[in-house]
Protein backbone atom coordinates (compact mmCIF):
# COMPACT_ATOMS: atom_id res chain seq x y z
CA MET A 1 0.21 0.11 -0.28
CA ARG A 2 3.05 2.08 0.71
CA PHE A 3 4.35 1.84 -2.42
CA ARG A 4 0.87 2.82 -4.27
CA ALA A 5 1.02 6.26 -2.26
CA THR A 6 4.50 7.11 -3.28
CA ALA A 7 3.65 6.30 -6.94
CA THR A 8 0.47 8.26 -7.18
CA VAL A 9 2.23 11.03 -5.44
CA LEU A 10 5.03 10.82 -8.01
CA LEU A 11 3.07 9.90 -11.32
CA PHE A 12 1.48 13.37 -9.76
CA ALA A 13 4.25 15.43 -9.65
CA VAL A 14 5.39 14.01 -13.40
CA LEU A 15 2.44 14.93 -14.88
CA ILE A 16 2.71 18.88 -13.20
CA ALA A 17 6.10 18.82 -14.14
CA GLY A 18 4.87 17.83 -18.01
CA ALA A 19 2.15 20.39 -17.77
CA GLY A 20 4.62 23.29 -17.22
CA VAL A 21 2.43 23.77 -13.59
CA THR A 22 4.14 24.50 -10.54
CA PRO A 23 3.34 23.94 -6.82
CA VAL A 24 3.02 27.73 -6.29
CA GLN A 25 -0.11 27.52 -8.97
CA LEU A 26 -1.78 24.80 -7.45
CA THR A 27 -2.25 26.76 -4.28
CA HIS A 28 -3.61 29.98 -5.72
CA ALA A 29 -6.58 27.65 -7.32
CA ALA A 30 -6.99 26.44 -3.60
CA GLY A 31 -7.04 29.24 -1.84
CA SER A 32 -6.66 33.37 -1.66
CA TYR A 33 -4.14 34.68 -3.28
CA CYS A 34 -4.27 37.62 -1.38
CA PRO A 35 -3.14 38.36 2.09
CA ASP A 36 0.21 36.48 1.74
CA PRO A 37 3.46 38.17 2.41
CA ALA A 38 4.91 36.21 -0.20
CA HIS A 39 2.97 38.10 -2.58
CA VAL A 40 3.90 41.87 -1.71
CA LEU A 41 6.20 42.30 -4.68
CA PRO A 42 4.94 41.99 -8.08
CA ASN A 43 4.60 38.69 -9.50
CA ASN A 44 3.41 37.06 -12.82
CA VAL A 45 -0.05 37.05 -13.11
CA PRO A 46 -0.82 32.89 -11.64
CA THR A 47 -3.10 31.24 -14.36
CA ASP A 48 -6.28 31.07 -11.66
CA LEU A 49 -6.14 34.99 -11.96
CA MET A 50 -5.62 35.80 -15.52
CA ALA A 51 -9.42 36.07 -16.60
CA ARG A 52 -9.63 38.79 -13.77
CA VAL A 53 -6.69 40.70 -14.47
CA ALA A 54 -7.79 40.55 -18.03
CA LYS A 55 -11.45 41.98 -17.26
CA THR A 56 -9.96 44.83 -15.30
CA PHE A 57 -7.53 45.82 -18.09
CA ALA A 58 -10.36 45.04 -21.16
CA ILE A 59 -7.23 42.79 -22.86
CA ASP A 60 -7.26 39.44 -23.45
CA ILE A 61 -5.49 36.69 -21.67
CA ALA A 62 -2.84 36.34 -24.04
CA SER A 63 -1.89 40.11 -24.15
CA LEU A 64 -0.96 39.80 -20.18
CA ARG A 65 0.80 36.62 -20.24
CA GLU A 66 4.22 38.78 -20.35
CA ALA A 67 3.21 42.21 -19.46
CA ALA A 68 1.46 41.89 -16.18
CA PHE A 69 1.99 41.65 -12.35
CA VAL A 70 -0.28 41.02 -9.69
CA ARG A 71 0.86 41.69 -6.11
CA CYS A 72 -1.02 42.24 -2.58
CA VAL A 73 -1.30 44.84 -0.45
CA GLY A 74 -2.92 43.91 2.57
CA PRO A 75 -5.94 41.65 1.61
CA THR A 76 -6.11 43.67 -1.81
CA LEU A 77 -5.08 42.33 -5.41
CA MET A 78 -3.67 45.40 -7.20
CA GLY A 79 -2.95 44.65 -10.98
CA CYS A 80 -0.37 46.14 -13.10
CA TYR A 81 -0.20 46.45 -16.83
CA ILE A 82 2.91 47.66 -18.66
CA GLY A 83 1.80 49.53 -21.63
CA ALA A 84 3.59 52.65 -24.10
CA ASN A 85 5.40 54.29 -20.87
CA LEU A 86 4.07 52.44 -17.69
CA ILE A 87 6.06 50.25 -15.40
CA CYS A 88 5.01 48.21 -12.67
CA ASP A 89 8.57 48.53 -10.90
CA LYS A 90 8.98 50.86 -7.74
CA ALA A 91 8.94 54.73 -8.50
CA ASP A 92 12.08 56.45 -9.03
CA THR A 93 11.96 59.63 -6.72
CA ARG A 94 15.79 59.98 -6.95
CA ARG A 95 16.25 64.18 -7.51
CA VAL A 96 19.45 63.15 -9.42
CA LEU A 97 19.84 60.53 -12.65
CA PRO A 98 22.65 60.11 -14.52
CA GLY A 99 20.85 59.57 -17.34
CA ALA A 100 18.96 62.90 -17.11
CA THR A 101 22.44 64.43 -16.25
CA ALA A 102 24.46 63.30 -18.92
CA TRP A 103 21.36 64.67 -21.64
CA CYS A 104 21.74 68.18 -19.94
CA ARG A 105 25.40 68.07 -20.44
CA ASP A 106 24.91 67.49 -23.84
CA ASN A 107 22.03 69.54 -24.41
CA PRO A 108 22.19 72.61 -22.10
CA GLY A 109 19.28 74.36 -21.41
CA SER A 110 16.57 72.14 -22.60
CA ILE A 111 13.57 72.84 -20.95
CA GLY A 112 12.72 68.89 -21.03
CA ILE A 113 14.62 65.69 -20.67
CA PRO A 114 13.01 62.61 -22.48
CA MET A 115 12.25 59.30 -20.62
CA SER A 116 15.09 57.70 -22.53
CA ALA A 117 17.44 59.62 -20.17
CA THR A 118 15.10 59.48 -17.06
CA GLY A 119 13.87 56.65 -17.32
CA HIS A 120 10.30 55.63 -17.12
CA ALA A 121 10.09 55.27 -13.46
CA THR A 122 10.71 58.82 -12.35
CA ILE A 123 8.04 60.83 -10.86
CA TYR A 124 9.51 64.13 -11.77
CA ASP A 125 9.31 66.39 -14.58
CA TRP A 126 12.98 66.91 -15.67
CA SER A 127 14.42 70.02 -17.34
CA CYS A 128 18.10 71.56 -17.94
CA LYS A 129 19.28 74.75 -15.84
CA GLY A 130 22.54 74.94 -18.50
CA ARG A 131 24.19 71.83 -18.30
CA CYS A 132 22.58 70.42 -14.89
CA ALA A 133 19.34 68.38 -14.67
CA VAL A 134 16.69 69.76 -12.13
CA SER A 135 13.82 68.07 -10.89
CA GLY A 136 10.97 69.99 -10.73
CA LYS A 137 7.70 68.76 -9.65
CA ALA A 138 6.52 65.64 -9.04
CA VAL A 139 4.10 64.38 -11.68
CA LEU A 140 2.89 61.05 -10.63
CA THR A 141 2.05 59.82 -7.26
CA VAL A 142 3.61 57.10 -5.03
CA ASP A 143 1.59 54.87 -3.07
CA PRO A 144 2.53 53.30 0.38
CA GLN A 145 4.48 50.43 -1.21
CA GLY A 146 6.85 52.81 -3.73
CA TYR A 147 4.97 52.37 -7.24
CA ILE A 148 3.52 54.61 -8.99
CA ALA A 149 -0.20 54.62 -7.90
CA ASP A 150 -1.77 55.19 -11.42
CA ASN A 151 -0.46 52.19 -13.13
CA TRP A 152 -1.93 49.64 -10.40
CA LYS A 153 -5.35 48.62 -10.28
CA GLN A 154 -7.70 46.74 -7.70
CA ILE A 155 -8.51 43.55 -9.40
CA GLN A 156 -11.94 42.24 -8.99
């Protein structure tokens, strides 16, 4: 009897591995994703949450496979879908950026610095005062966890 149970478990593990399903994905279907301290950082969307995330962002499931993330804020499931100039990583609140500094050295007096130089995570409006990069007013809000608030939506 002990051999049969062990063989069954082994067969189950082989089937899971062959299907590309990880044990973590199985636990999502069995229980609640949030709150779980392991899910406070952005993760790829688990299979059983894909329909809910796709509905929230009004996109098809195929579109979100590589471009959407979920994380927990306490008991609340939040989702982010990467788009043009949208990031799901933490906001960059630094007032000195090497890329902005380099831009101003090459383009003194520019009234704006492109995101290709500042990065897409900065929350400030940047300009050049002579050859010095200057961070202006914050144009994006940062949530309490440090992410750009407008890029994350509550998943229903």
